[in-house]
Amino acid sequence: MNASPPSEITCSYKSRKCSHPRAVKRNGKMHTLCEFHRARQNEHQRKSDRKHKDTKLARQSLKQCDADMLSMASPLMARMQERQRQNMESLLLSPAQAMQMALPPPMLEEPTCHFAHQTEV
């Protein structure tokens, strides 16, 4: 008959039976797991912590990006609202006033040609 060690001194690993002795803490008390399963659990915890940290950083980055986009969109929205207001005002104008607003400003001087005119000989 195979005598197994008492459960108070064996590893309490959940997934399967482990007959290794529990590790000893620095203060002399017993850990609940053996050295092998403690190392494995600690690595798993570090991996989980890194994943959560990366997720948190990604969320913060996305939140900052959203804030940046919103701050960029605010002036654009203000311009769009101003144009809408002007469009609404133009609907309230008489046709002559609306035409006057649509015309380009009068030219103060005649346009000059930047190319020298060549005469054919």
PDB file of N, CA and C in Angstrom:
ATOM      1  N   MET A   1       0.829  -1.168   0.000  1.00  0.00           N
ATOM      2  CA  MET A   1       0.000   0.000   0.000  1.00  0.00           C
ATOM      3  C   MET A   1       0.877   1.235   0.000  1.00  0.00           C
ATOM      4  N   ASN A   2       0.481   2.209  -0.757  1.00  0.00           N
ATOM      5  CA  ASN A   2       1.251   3.439  -0.916  1.00  0.00           C
ATOM      6  C   ASN A   2       0.784   4.466   0.104  1.00  0.00           C
ATOM      7  N   ALA A   3       1.648   4.861   0.995  1.00  0.00           N
ATOM      8  CA  ALA A   3       1.267   5.831   2.021  1.00  0.00           C
ATOM      9  C   ALA A   3       1.588   7.224   1.511  1.00  0.00           C
ATOM     10  N   SER A   4       0.559   8.069   1.441  1.00  0.00           N
ATOM     11  CA  SER A   4       0.788   9.435   0.991  1.00  0.00           C
ATOM     12  C   SER A   4       1.006  10.314   2.217  1.00  0.00           C
ATOM     13  N   PRO A   5       1.831  11.371   2.052  1.00  0.00           N
ATOM     14  CA  PRO A   5       2.084  12.263   3.182  1.00  0.00           C
ATOM     15  C   PRO A   5       0.801  12.989   3.595  1.00  0.00           C
ATOM     16  N   PRO A   6       0.707  13.418   4.835  1.00  0.00           N
ATOM     17  CA  PRO A   6      -0.490  14.124   5.287  1.00  0.00           C
ATOM     18  C   PRO A   6      -0.703  15.408   4.478  1.00  0.00           C
ATOM     19  N   SER A   7      -1.966  15.799   4.269  1.00  0.00           N
ATOM     20  CA  SER A   7      -2.290  16.947   3.427  1.00  0.00           C
ATOM     21  C   SER A   7      -1.799  18.258   4.018  1.00  0.00           C
ATOM     22  N   GLU A   8      -1.522  18.316   5.326  1.00  0.00           N
ATOM     23  CA  GLU A   8      -1.031  19.554   5.931  1.00  0.00           C
ATOM     24  C   GLU A   8       0.367  19.917   5.464  1.00  0.00           C
ATOM     25  N   ILE A   9       1.127  18.929   4.989  1.00  0.00           N
ATOM     26  CA  ILE A   9       2.494  19.232   4.569  1.00  0.00           C
ATOM     27  C   ILE A   9       2.701  19.081   3.063  1.00  0.00           C
ATOM     28  N   THR A  10       1.653  18.712   2.320  1.00  0.00           N
ATOM     29  CA  THR A  10       1.786  18.571   0.874  1.00  0.00           C
ATOM     30  C   THR A  10       1.202  19.789   0.158  1.00  0.00           C
ATOM     31  N   CYS A  11       1.652  19.964  -1.061  1.00  0.00           N
ATOM     32  CA  CYS A  11       1.228  21.085  -1.912  1.00  0.00           C
ATOM     33  C   CYS A  11      -0.285  21.070  -2.098  1.00  0.00           C
ATOM     34  N   SER A  12      -0.884  22.243  -2.070  1.00  0.00           N
ATOM     35  CA  SER A  12      -2.343  22.360  -2.234  1.00  0.00           C
ATOM     36  C   SER A  12      -2.710  22.843  -3.639  1.00  0.00           C
ATOM     37  N   TYR A  13      -1.939  22.434  -4.639  1.00  0.00           N
ATOM     38  CA  TYR A  13      -2.209  22.826  -6.019  1.00  0.00           C
ATOM     39  C   TYR A  13      -3.597  22.354  -6.422  1.00  0.00           C
ATOM     40  N   LYS A  14      -4.415  23.238  -7.041  1.00  0.00           N
ATOM     41  CA  LYS A  14      -5.829  22.945  -7.287  1.00  0.00           C
ATOM     42  C   LYS A  14      -6.078  21.946  -8.411  1.00  0.00           C
ATOM     43  N   SER A  15      -5.363  22.096  -9.518  1.00  0.00           N
ATOM     44  CA  SER A  15      -5.721  21.345 -10.724  1.00  0.00           C
ATOM     45  C   SER A  15      -5.514  19.839 -10.613  1.00  0.00           C
ATOM     46  N   ARG A  16      -4.484  19.436  -9.945  1.00  0.00           N
ATOM     47  CA  ARG A  16      -4.251  17.991  -9.802  1.00  0.00           C
ATOM     48  C   ARG A  16      -3.488  17.748  -8.510  1.00  0.00           C
ATOM     49  N   LYS A  17      -3.443  16.529  -8.117  1.00  0.00           N
ATOM     50  CA  LYS A  17      -2.752  16.168  -6.890  1.00  0.00           C
ATOM     51  C   LYS A  17      -1.250  16.362  -7.062  1.00  0.00           C
ATOM     52  N   CYS A  18      -0.652  16.997  -6.080  1.00  0.00           N
ATOM     53  CA  CYS A  18       0.796  17.164  -6.078  1.00  0.00           C
ATOM     54  C   CYS A  18       1.288  16.671  -4.721  1.00  0.00           C
ATOM     55  N   SER A  19       2.212  15.748  -4.743  1.00  0.00           N
ATOM     56  CA  SER A  19       2.683  15.163  -3.490  1.00  0.00           C
ATOM     57  C   SER A  19       3.974  15.809  -2.989  1.00  0.00           C
ATOM     58  N   HIS A  20       4.402  16.893  -3.624  1.00  0.00           N
ATOM     59  CA  HIS A  20       5.607  17.585  -3.164  1.00  0.00           C
ATOM     60  C   HIS A  20       5.327  18.310  -1.845  1.00  0.00           C
ATOM     61  N   PRO A  21       6.337  18.453  -1.028  1.00  0.00           N
ATOM     62  CA  PRO A  21       6.126  19.163   0.245  1.00  0.00           C
ATOM     63  C   PRO A  21       5.929  20.656   0.017  1.00  0.00           C
ATOM     64  N   ARG A  22       5.161  21.260   0.898  1.00  0.00           N
ATOM     65  CA  ARG A  22       4.915  22.699   0.816  1.00  0.00           C
ATOM     66  C   ARG A  22       6.214  23.448   1.084  1.00  0.00           C
ATOM     67  N   ALA A  23       6.344  24.602   0.422  1.00  0.00           N
ATOM     68  CA  ALA A  23       7.532  25.437   0.609  1.00  0.00           C
ATOM     69  C   ALA A  23       7.442  26.134   1.964  1.00  0.00           C
ATOM     70  N   VAL A  24       8.610  26.517   2.472  1.00  0.00           N
ATOM     71  CA  VAL A  24       8.668  27.176   3.770  1.00  0.00           C
ATOM     72  C   VAL A  24       8.918  28.669   3.565  1.00  0.00           C
ATOM     73  N   LYS A  25       8.141  29.504   4.263  1.00  0.00           N
ATOM     74  CA  LYS A  25       8.310  30.953   4.196  1.00  0.00           C
ATOM     75  C   LYS A  25       9.560  31.354   4.968  1.00  0.00           C
ATOM     76  N   ARG A  26       9.970  32.618   4.785  1.00  0.00           N
ATOM     77  CA  ARG A  26      11.137  33.133   5.513  1.00  0.00           C
ATOM     78  C   ARG A  26      10.910  33.162   7.025  1.00  0.00           C
ATOM     79  N   ASN A  27       9.656  33.342   7.392  1.00  0.00           N
ATOM     80  CA  ASN A  27       9.347  33.406   8.823  1.00  0.00           C
ATOM     81  C   ASN A  27       9.166  32.023   9.451  1.00  0.00           C
ATOM     82  N   GLY A  28       9.349  30.965   8.656  1.00  0.00           N
ATOM     83  CA  GLY A  28       9.261  29.605   9.175  1.00  0.00           C
ATOM     84  C   GLY A  28       7.908  28.954   8.966  1.00  0.00           C
ATOM     85  N   LYS A  29       6.882  29.701   8.616  1.00  0.00           N
ATOM     86  CA  LYS A  29       5.561  29.128   8.372  1.00  0.00           C
ATOM     87  C   LYS A  29       5.556  28.456   6.997  1.00  0.00           C
ATOM     88  N   MET A  30       4.487  27.718   6.710  1.00  0.00           N
ATOM     89  CA  MET A  30       4.397  26.975   5.449  1.00  0.00           C
ATOM     90  C   MET A  30       3.578  27.756   4.416  1.00  0.00           C
ATOM     91  N   HIS A  31       4.084  27.751   3.169  1.00  0.00           N
ATOM     92  CA  HIS A  31       3.280  28.233   2.047  1.00  0.00           C
ATOM     93  C   HIS A  31       2.219  27.181   1.757  1.00  0.00           C
ATOM     94  N   THR A  32       1.264  27.510   0.924  1.00  0.00           N
ATOM     95  CA  THR A  32       0.252  26.513   0.563  1.00  0.00           C
ATOM     96  C   THR A  32       0.698  25.654  -0.626  1.00  0.00           C
ATOM     97  N   LEU A  33       1.675  26.124  -1.390  1.00  0.00           N
ATOM     98  CA  LEU A  33       2.140  25.400  -2.576  1.00  0.00           C
ATOM     99  C   LEU A  33       3.599  24.965  -2.426  1.00  0.00           C
ATOM    100  N   CYS A  34       4.004  24.008  -3.266  1.00  0.00           N
ATOM    101  CA  CYS A  34       5.407  23.601  -3.314  1.00  0.00           C
ATOM    102  C   CYS A  34       6.204  24.642  -4.098  1.00  0.00           C
ATOM    103  N   GLU A  35       7.511  24.558  -4.097  1.00  0.00           N
ATOM    104  CA  GLU A  35       8.365  25.536  -4.790  1.00  0.00           C
ATOM    105  C   GLU A  35       8.028  25.605  -6.287  1.00  0.00           C
ATOM    106  N   PHE A  36       7.845  24.438  -6.927  1.00  0.00           N
ATOM    107  CA  PHE A  36       7.552  24.399  -8.356  1.00  0.00           C
ATOM    108  C   PHE A  36       6.256  25.152  -8.670  1.00  0.00           C
ATOM    109  N   HIS A  37       5.178  24.837  -7.949  1.00  0.00           N
ATOM    110  CA  HIS A  37       3.890  25.471  -8.240  1.00  0.00           C
ATOM    111  C   HIS A  37       3.871  26.934  -7.803  1.00  0.00           C
ATOM    112  N   ARG A  38       4.636  27.311  -6.780  1.00  0.00           N
ATOM    113  CA  ARG A  38       4.752  28.719  -6.393  1.00  0.00           C
ATOM    114  C   ARG A  38       5.406  29.516  -7.516  1.00  0.00           C
ATOM    115  N   ALA A  39       6.499  28.983  -8.085  1.00  0.00           N
ATOM    116  CA  ALA A  39       7.199  29.672  -9.182  1.00  0.00           C
ATOM    117  C   ALA A  39       6.264  29.818 -10.390  1.00  0.00           C
ATOM    118  N   ARG A  40       5.536  28.762 -10.667  1.00  0.00           N
ATOM    119  CA  ARG A  40       4.603  28.784 -11.796  1.00  0.00           C
ATOM    120  C   ARG A  40       3.478  29.809 -11.555  1.00  0.00           C
ATOM    121  N   GLN A  41       2.934  29.824 -10.349  1.00  0.00           N
ATOM    122  CA  GLN A  41       1.859  30.759 -10.017  1.00  0.00           C
ATOM    123  C   GLN A  41       2.362  32.193 -10.039  1.00  0.00           C
ATOM    124  N   ASN A  42       3.572  32.441  -9.529  1.00  0.00           N
ATOM    125  CA  ASN A  42       4.137  33.794  -9.538  1.00  0.00           C
ATOM    126  C   ASN A  42       4.351  34.293 -10.965  1.00  0.00           C
ATOM    127  N   GLU A  43       4.837  33.423 -11.852  1.00  0.00           N
ATOM    128  CA  GLU A  43       5.022  33.809 -13.255  1.00  0.00           C
ATOM    129  C   GLU A  43       3.679  34.139 -13.902  1.00  0.00           C
ATOM    130  N   HIS A  44       2.692  33.316 -13.599  1.00  0.00           N
ATOM    131  CA  HIS A  44       1.342  33.574 -14.134  1.00  0.00           C
ATOM    132  C   HIS A  44       0.829  34.923 -13.634  1.00  0.00           C
ATOM    133  N   GLN A  45       1.059  35.246 -12.366  1.00  0.00           N
ATOM    134  CA  GLN A  45       0.607  36.515 -11.801  1.00  0.00           C
ATOM    135  C   GLN A  45       1.327  37.691 -12.454  1.00  0.00           C
ATOM    136  N   ARG A  46       2.626  37.548 -12.689  1.00  0.00           N
ATOM    137  CA  ARG A  46       3.384  38.624 -13.351  1.00  0.00           C
ATOM    138  C   ARG A  46       2.857  38.856 -14.766  1.00  0.00           C
ATOM    139  N   LYS A  47       2.571  37.773 -15.477  1.00  0.00           N
ATOM    140  CA  LYS A  47       2.040  37.879 -16.838  1.00  0.00           C
ATOM    141  C   LYS A  47       0.677  38.585 -16.819  1.00  0.00           C
ATOM    142  N   SER A  48      -0.167  38.218 -15.868  1.00  0.00           N
ATOM    143  CA  SER A  48      -1.478  38.842 -15.735  1.00  0.00           C
ATOM    144  C   SER A  48      -1.340  40.327 -15.399  1.00  0.00           C
ATOM    145  N   ASP A  49      -0.409  40.657 -14.496  1.00  0.00           N
ATOM    146  CA  ASP A  49      -0.182  42.064 -14.132  1.00  0.00           C
ATOM    147  C   ASP A  49       0.269  42.883 -15.330  1.00  0.00           C
ATOM    148  N   ARG A  50       1.185  42.310 -16.142  1.00  0.00           N
ATOM    149  CA  ARG A  50       1.651  43.009 -17.349  1.00  0.00           C
ATOM    150  C   ARG A  50       0.497  43.251 -18.309  1.00  0.00           C
ATOM    151  N   LYS A  51      -0.340  42.232 -18.480  1.00  0.00           N
ATOM    152  CA  LYS A  51      -1.487  42.345 -19.389  1.00  0.00           C
ATOM    153  C   LYS A  51      -2.428  43.461 -18.928  1.00  0.00           C
ATOM    154  N   HIS A  52      -2.723  43.494 -17.637  1.00  0.00           N
ATOM    155  CA  HIS A  52      -3.611  44.532 -17.113  1.00  0.00           C
ATOM    156  C   HIS A  52      -2.979  45.917 -17.223  1.00  0.00           C
ATOM    157  N   LYS A  53      -1.662  45.987 -17.003  1.00  0.00           N
ATOM    158  CA  LYS A  53      -0.969  47.275 -17.125  1.00  0.00           C
ATOM    159  C   LYS A  53      -1.023  47.760 -18.574  1.00  0.00           C
ATOM    160  N   ASP A  54      -0.766  46.855 -19.523  1.00  0.00           N
ATOM    161  CA  ASP A  54      -0.818  47.218 -20.945  1.00  0.00           C
ATOM    162  C   ASP A  54      -2.223  47.658 -21.344  1.00  0.00           C
ATOM    163  N   THR A  55      -3.235  46.959 -20.840  1.00  0.00           N
ATOM    164  CA  THR A  55      -4.621  47.317 -21.144  1.00  0.00           C
ATOM    165  C   THR A  55      -4.943  48.695 -20.583  1.00  0.00           C
ATOM    166  N   LYS A  56      -4.474  48.953 -19.363  1.00  0.00           N
ATOM    167  CA  LYS A  56      -4.722  50.254 -18.736  1.00  0.00           C
ATOM    168  C   LYS A  56      -4.035  51.363 -19.529  1.00  0.00           C
ATOM    169  N   LEU A  57      -2.782  51.131 -19.959  1.00  0.00           N
ATOM    170  CA  LEU A  57      -2.069  52.132 -20.748  1.00  0.00           C
ATOM    171  C   LEU A  57      -2.760  52.374 -22.086  1.00  0.00           C
ATOM    172  N   ALA A  58      -3.256  51.308 -22.702  1.00  0.00           N
ATOM    173  CA  ALA A  58      -3.957  51.450 -23.980  1.00  0.00           C
ATOM    174  C   ALA A  58      -5.235  52.266 -23.798  1.00  0.00           C
ATOM    175  N   ARG A  59      -5.958  52.010 -22.698  1.00  0.00           N
ATOM    176  CA  ARG A  59      -7.172  52.782 -22.432  1.00  0.00           C
ATOM    177  C   ARG A  59      -6.846  54.251 -22.215  1.00  0.00           C
ATOM    178  N   GLN A  60      -5.785  54.519 -21.441  1.00  0.00           N
ATOM    179  CA  GLN A  60      -5.399  55.905 -21.179  1.00  0.00           C
ATOM    180  C   GLN A  60      -4.994  56.600 -22.474  1.00  0.00           C
ATOM    181  N   SER A  61      -4.264  55.879 -23.320  1.00  0.00           N
ATOM    182  CA  SER A  61      -3.838  56.439 -24.597  1.00  0.00           C
ATOM    183  C   SER A  61      -5.047  56.745 -25.477  1.00  0.00           C
ATOM    184  N   LEU A  62      -6.002  55.835 -25.509  1.00  0.00           N
ATOM    185  CA  LEU A  62      -7.217  56.040 -26.299  1.00  0.00           C
ATOM    186  C   LEU A  62      -8.017  57.224 -25.753  1.00  0.00           C
ATOM    187  N   LYS A  63      -8.085  57.323 -24.428  1.00  0.00           N
ATOM    188  CA  LYS A  63      -8.802  58.433 -23.802  1.00  0.00           C
ATOM    189  C   LYS A  63      -8.146  59.761 -24.166  1.00  0.00           C
ATOM    190  N   GLN A  64      -6.806  59.802 -24.152  1.00  0.00           N
ATOM    191  CA  GLN A  64      -6.078  61.024 -24.511  1.00  0.00           C
ATOM    192  C   GLN A  64      -6.299  61.357 -25.983  1.00  0.00           C
ATOM    193  N   CYS A  65      -6.291  60.328 -26.824  1.00  0.00           N
ATOM    194  CA  CYS A  65      -6.526  60.532 -28.258  1.00  0.00           C
ATOM    195  C   CYS A  65      -7.921  61.110 -28.484  1.00  0.00           C
ATOM    196  N   ASP A  66      -8.920  60.580 -27.754  1.00  0.00           N
ATOM    197  CA  ASP A  66     -10.283  61.105 -27.867  1.00  0.00           C
ATOM    198  C   ASP A  66     -10.336  62.569 -27.441  1.00  0.00           C
ATOM    199  N   ALA A  67      -9.631  62.890 -26.355  1.00  0.00           N
ATOM    200  CA  ALA A  67      -9.615  64.280 -25.873  1.00  0.00           C
ATOM    201  C   ALA A  67      -8.956  65.193 -26.903  1.00  0.00           C
ATOM    202  N   ASP A  68      -7.853  64.713 -27.506  1.00  0.00           N
ATOM    203  CA  ASP A  68      -7.167  65.500 -28.534  1.00  0.00           C
ATOM    204  C   ASP A  68      -8.082  65.725 -29.740  1.00  0.00           C
ATOM    205  N   MET A  69      -8.767  64.674 -30.155  1.00  0.00           N
ATOM    206  CA  MET A  69      -9.676  64.792 -31.297  1.00  0.00           C
ATOM    207  C   MET A  69     -10.801  65.773 -30.991  1.00  0.00           C
ATOM    208  N   LEU A  70     -11.303  65.715 -29.765  1.00  0.00           N
ATOM    209  CA  LEU A  70     -12.381  66.623 -29.371  1.00  0.00           C
ATOM    210  C   LEU A  70     -11.902  68.066 -29.376  1.00  0.00           C
ATOM    211  N   SER A  71     -10.678  68.300 -28.873  1.00  0.00           N
ATOM    212  CA  SER A  71     -10.164  69.667 -28.861  1.00  0.00           C
ATOM    213  C   SER A  71      -9.911  70.170 -30.278  1.00  0.00           C
ATOM    214  N   MET A  72      -9.551  69.272 -31.198  1.00  0.00           N
ATOM    215  CA  MET A  72      -9.361  69.668 -32.591  1.00  0.00           C
ATOM    216  C   MET A  72     -10.709  69.906 -33.264  1.00  0.00           C
ATOM    217  N   ALA A  73     -11.712  69.155 -32.857  1.00  0.00           N
ATOM    218  CA  ALA A  73     -13.023  69.261 -33.500  1.00  0.00           C
ATOM    219  C   ALA A  73     -13.782  70.506 -33.045  1.00  0.00           C
ATOM    220  N   SER A  74     -13.485  71.012 -31.857  1.00  0.00           N
ATOM    221  CA  SER A  74     -14.229  72.158 -31.331  1.00  0.00           C
ATOM    222  C   SER A  74     -14.155  73.377 -32.243  1.00  0.00           C
ATOM    223  N   PRO A  75     -12.960  73.812 -32.703  1.00  0.00           N
ATOM    224  CA  PRO A  75     -12.926  74.960 -33.621  1.00  0.00           C
ATOM    225  C   PRO A  75     -13.652  74.664 -34.933  1.00  0.00           C
ATOM    226  N   LEU A  76     -13.522  73.445 -35.410  1.00  0.00           N
ATOM    227  CA  LEU A  76     -14.203  73.063 -36.648  1.00  0.00           C
ATOM    228  C   LEU A  76     -15.714  73.143 -36.466  1.00  0.00           C
ATOM    229  N   MET A  77     -16.185  72.643 -35.335  1.00  0.00           N
ATOM    230  CA  MET A  77     -17.625  72.708 -35.069  1.00  0.00           C
ATOM    231  C   MET A  77     -18.090  74.156 -34.964  1.00  0.00           C
ATOM    232  N   ALA A  78     -17.265  75.011 -34.353  1.00  0.00           N
ATOM    233  CA  ALA A  78     -17.629  76.428 -34.225  1.00  0.00           C
ATOM    234  C   ALA A  78     -17.743  77.068 -35.608  1.00  0.00           C
ATOM    235  N   ARG A  79     -16.792  76.761 -36.503  1.00  0.00           N
ATOM    236  CA  ARG A  79     -16.856  77.310 -37.866  1.00  0.00           C
ATOM    237  C   ARG A  79     -18.087  76.799 -38.596  1.00  0.00           C
ATOM    238  N   MET A  80     -18.388  75.514 -38.430  1.00  0.00           N
ATOM    239  CA  MET A  80     -19.555  74.955 -39.103  1.00  0.00           C
ATOM    240  C   MET A  80     -20.834  75.606 -38.584  1.00  0.00           C
ATOM    241  N   GLN A  81     -20.908  75.839 -37.276  1.00  0.00           N
ATOM    242  CA  GLN A  81     -22.091  76.486 -36.718  1.00  0.00           C
ATOM    243  C   GLN A  81     -22.216  77.920 -37.218  1.00  0.00           C
ATOM    244  N   GLU A  82     -21.081  78.621 -37.345  1.00  0.00           N
ATOM    245  CA  GLU A  82     -21.103  79.993 -37.865  1.00  0.00           C
ATOM    246  C   GLU A  82     -21.603  80.001 -39.312  1.00  0.00           C
ATOM    247  N   ARG A  83     -21.147  79.047 -40.116  1.00  0.00           N
ATOM    248  CA  ARG A  83     -21.610  78.964 -41.508  1.00  0.00           C
ATOM    249  C   ARG A  83     -23.105  78.668 -41.559  1.00  0.00           C
ATOM    250  N   GLN A  84     -23.547  77.770 -40.670  1.00  0.00           N
ATOM    251  CA  GLN A  84     -24.982  77.474 -40.640  1.00  0.00           C
ATOM    252  C   GLN A  84     -25.780  78.721 -40.276  1.00  0.00           C
ATOM    253  N   ARG A  85     -25.285  79.478 -39.303  1.00  0.00           N
ATOM    254  CA  ARG A  85     -25.959  80.703 -38.895  1.00  0.00           C
ATOM    255  C   ARG A  85     -26.018  81.682 -40.065  1.00  0.00           C
ATOM    256  N   GLN A  86     -24.891  81.813 -40.798  1.00  0.00           N
ATOM    257  CA  GLN A  86     -24.865  82.716 -41.952  1.00  0.00           C
ATOM    258  C   GLN A  86     -25.836  82.242 -43.024  1.00  0.00           C
ATOM    259  N   ASN A  87     -25.884  80.930 -43.237  1.00  0.00           N
ATOM    260  CA  ASN A  87     -26.828  80.394 -44.229  1.00  0.00           C
ATOM    261  C   ASN A  87     -28.268  80.689 -43.832  1.00  0.00           C
ATOM    262  N   MET A  88     -28.561  80.540 -42.550  1.00  0.00           N
ATOM    263  CA  MET A  88     -29.911  80.831 -42.075  1.00  0.00           C
ATOM    264  C   MET A  88     -30.227  82.318 -42.244  1.00  0.00           C
ATOM    265  N   GLU A  89     -29.259  83.185 -41.958  1.00  0.00           N
ATOM    266  CA  GLU A  89     -29.470  84.613 -42.133  1.00  0.00           C
ATOM    267  C   GLU A  89     -29.699  84.952 -43.597  1.00  0.00           C
ATOM    268  N   SER A  90     -28.965  84.264 -44.486  1.00  0.00           N
ATOM    269  CA  SER A  90     -29.132  84.558 -45.912  1.00  0.00           C
ATOM    270  C   SER A  90     -30.520  84.156 -46.399  1.00  0.00           C
ATOM    271  N   LEU A  91     -31.126  83.176 -45.757  1.00  0.00           N
ATOM    272  CA  LEU A  91     -32.492  82.799 -46.132  1.00  0.00           C
ATOM    273  C   LEU A  91     -33.482  83.886 -45.738  1.00  0.00           C
ATOM    274  N   LEU A  92     -33.128  84.664 -44.739  1.00  0.00           N
ATOM    275  CA  LEU A  92     -34.015  85.723 -44.268  1.00  0.00           C
ATOM    276  C   LEU A  92     -33.817  87.038 -45.032  1.00  0.00           C
ATOM    277  N   LEU A  93     -32.770  87.121 -45.854  1.00  0.00           N
ATOM    278  CA  LEU A  93     -32.487  88.341 -46.606  1.00  0.00           C
ATOM    279  C   LEU A  93     -33.371  88.424 -47.840  1.00  0.00           C
ATOM    280  N   SER A  94     -33.498  89.620 -48.338  1.00  0.00           N
ATOM    281  CA  SER A  94     -34.215  89.785 -49.601  1.00  0.00           C
ATOM    282  C   SER A  94     -33.322  89.231 -50.717  1.00  0.00           C
ATOM    283  N   PRO A  95     -33.875  88.898 -51.863  1.00  0.00           N
ATOM    284  CA  PRO A  95     -33.056  88.366 -52.963  1.00  0.00           C
ATOM    285  C   PRO A  95     -31.932  89.310 -53.360  1.00  0.00           C
ATOM    286  N   ALA A  96     -32.169  90.609 -53.347  1.00  0.00           N
ATOM    287  CA  ALA A  96     -31.120  91.567 -53.726  1.00  0.00           C
ATOM    288  C   ALA A  96     -29.987  91.546 -52.703  1.00  0.00           C
ATOM    289  N   GLN A  97     -30.334  91.471 -51.422  1.00  0.00           N
ATOM    290  CA  GLN A  97     -29.310  91.423 -50.383  1.00  0.00           C
ATOM    291  C   GLN A  97     -28.510  90.119 -50.482  1.00  0.00           C
ATOM    292  N   ALA A  98     -29.189  89.017 -50.735  1.00  0.00           N
ATOM    293  CA  ALA A  98     -28.513  87.730 -50.857  1.00  0.00           C
ATOM    294  C   ALA A  98     -27.558  87.729 -52.038  1.00  0.00           C
ATOM    295  N   MET A  99     -27.980  88.333 -53.169  1.00  0.00           N
ATOM    296  CA  MET A  99     -27.112  88.409 -54.348  1.00  0.00           C
ATOM    297  C   MET A  99     -25.885  89.258 -54.039  1.00  0.00           C
ATOM    298  N   GLN A 100     -26.087  90.335 -53.308  1.00  0.00           N
ATOM    299  CA  GLN A 100     -24.977  91.215 -52.977  1.00  0.00           C
ATOM    300  C   GLN A 100     -23.964  90.469 -52.099  1.00  0.00           C
ATOM    301  N   MET A 101     -24.444  89.634 -51.185  1.00  0.00           N
ATOM    302  CA  MET A 101     -23.538  88.862 -50.332  1.00  0.00           C
ATOM    303  C   MET A 101     -22.793  87.811 -51.134  1.00  0.00           C
ATOM    304  N   ALA A 102     -23.438  87.292 -52.187  1.00  0.00           N
ATOM    305  CA  ALA A 102     -22.836  86.236 -52.986  1.00  0.00           C
ATOM    306  C   ALA A 102     -21.776  86.764 -53.939  1.00  0.00           C
ATOM    307  N   LEU A 103     -21.842  88.057 -54.292  1.00  0.00           N
ATOM    308  CA  LEU A 103     -20.884  88.632 -55.234  1.00  0.00           C
ATOM    309  C   LEU A 103     -19.513  88.786 -54.580  1.00  0.00           C
ATOM    310  N   PRO A 104     -18.468  88.594 -55.355  1.00  0.00           N
ATOM    311  CA  PRO A 104     -17.135  88.807 -54.796  1.00  0.00           C
ATOM    312  C   PRO A 104     -16.930  90.293 -54.529  1.00  0.00           C
ATOM    313  N   PRO A 105     -16.034  90.654 -53.634  1.00  0.00           N
ATOM    314  CA  PRO A 105     -15.803  92.071 -53.347  1.00  0.00           C
ATOM    315  C   PRO A 105     -15.287  92.783 -54.601  1.00  0.00           C
ATOM    316  N   PRO A 106     -15.617  94.062 -54.766  1.00  0.00           N
ATOM    317  CA  PRO A 106     -15.171  94.782 -55.970  1.00  0.00           C
ATOM    318  C   PRO A 106     -13.648  94.902 -55.986  1.00  0.00           C
ATOM    319  N   MET A 107     -13.093  94.872 -57.211  1.00  0.00           N
ATOM    320  CA  MET A 107     -11.640  94.978 -57.363  1.00  0.00           C
ATOM    321  C   MET A 107     -11.258  96.449 -57.324  1.00  0.00           C
ATOM    322  N   LEU A 108     -10.212  96.756 -56.588  1.00  0.00           N
ATOM    323  CA  LEU A 108      -9.781  98.135 -56.447  1.00  0.00           C
ATOM    324  C   LEU A 108      -8.877  98.578 -57.590  1.00  0.00           C
ATOM    325  N   GLU A 109      -8.148  97.675 -58.154  1.00  0.00           N
ATOM    326  CA  GLU A 109      -7.296  98.023 -59.294  1.00  0.00           C
ATOM    327  C   GLU A 109      -7.391  96.918 -60.322  1.00  0.00           C
ATOM    328  N   GLU A 110      -6.999  97.246 -61.531  1.00  0.00           N
ATOM    329  CA  GLU A 110      -7.104  96.260 -62.602  1.00  0.00           C
ATOM    330  C   GLU A 110      -6.042  95.191 -62.416  1.00  0.00           C
ATOM    331  N   PRO A 111      -6.390  93.945 -62.760  1.00  0.00           N
ATOM    332  CA  PRO A 111      -5.384  92.890 -62.645  1.00  0.00           C
ATOM    333  C   PRO A 111      -4.242  93.133 -63.625  1.00  0.00           C
ATOM    334  N   THR A 112      -3.057  92.804 -63.201  1.00  0.00           N
ATOM    335  CA  THR A 112      -1.893  92.970 -64.071  1.00  0.00           C
ATOM    336  C   THR A 112      -1.431  91.607 -64.520  1.00  0.00           C
ATOM    337  N   CYS A 113      -0.932  91.579 -65.711  1.00  0.00           N
ATOM    338  CA  CYS A 113      -0.410  90.339 -66.261  1.00  0.00           C
ATOM    339  C   CYS A 113       1.064  90.248 -65.899  1.00  0.00           C
ATOM    340  N   HIS A 114       1.457  89.133 -65.400  1.00  0.00           N
ATOM    341  CA  HIS A 114       2.854  88.968 -64.987  1.00  0.00           C
ATOM    342  C   HIS A 114       3.756  88.528 -66.122  1.00  0.00           C
ATOM    343  N   PHE A 115       3.163  88.216 -67.251  1.00  0.00           N
ATOM    344  CA  PHE A 115       3.965  87.808 -68.377  1.00  0.00           C
ATOM    345  C   PHE A 115       4.201  88.997 -69.303  1.00  0.00           C
ATOM    346  N   ALA A 116       5.398  89.134 -69.780  1.00  0.00           N
ATOM    347  CA  ALA A 116       5.704  90.257 -70.702  1.00  0.00           C
ATOM    348  C   ALA A 116       5.066  89.926 -72.070  1.00  0.00           C
ATOM    349  N   HIS A 117       4.404  90.904 -72.649  1.00  0.00           N
ATOM    350  CA  HIS A 117       3.807  90.698 -73.973  1.00  0.00           C
ATOM    351  C   HIS A 117       4.911  90.810 -75.013  1.00  0.00           C
ATOM    352  N   GLN A 118       4.960  89.789 -75.826  1.00  0.00           N
ATOM    353  CA  GLN A 118       5.966  89.804 -76.896  1.00  0.00           C
ATOM    354  C   GLN A 118       5.256  90.130 -78.208  1.00  0.00           C
ATOM    355  N   THR A 119       5.849  90.979 -78.933  1.00  0.00           N
ATOM    356  CA  THR A 119       5.280  91.324 -80.246  1.00  0.00           C
ATOM    357  C   THR A 119       6.051  90.547 -81.298  1.00  0.00           C
ATOM    358  N   GLU A 120       5.314  90.087 -82.257  1.00  0.00           N
ATOM    359  CA  GLU A 120       5.961  89.319 -83.314  1.00  0.00           C
ATOM    360  C   GLU A 120       6.549  90.258 -84.349  1.00  0.00           C
ATOM    361  N   VAL A 121       7.763  89.945 -84.816  1.00  0.00           N
ATOM    362  CA  VAL A 121       8.429  90.795 -85.800  1.00  0.00           C
ATOM    363  C   VAL A 121       8.381  90.152 -87.154  1.00  0.00           C
TER     364      VAL A 121
END
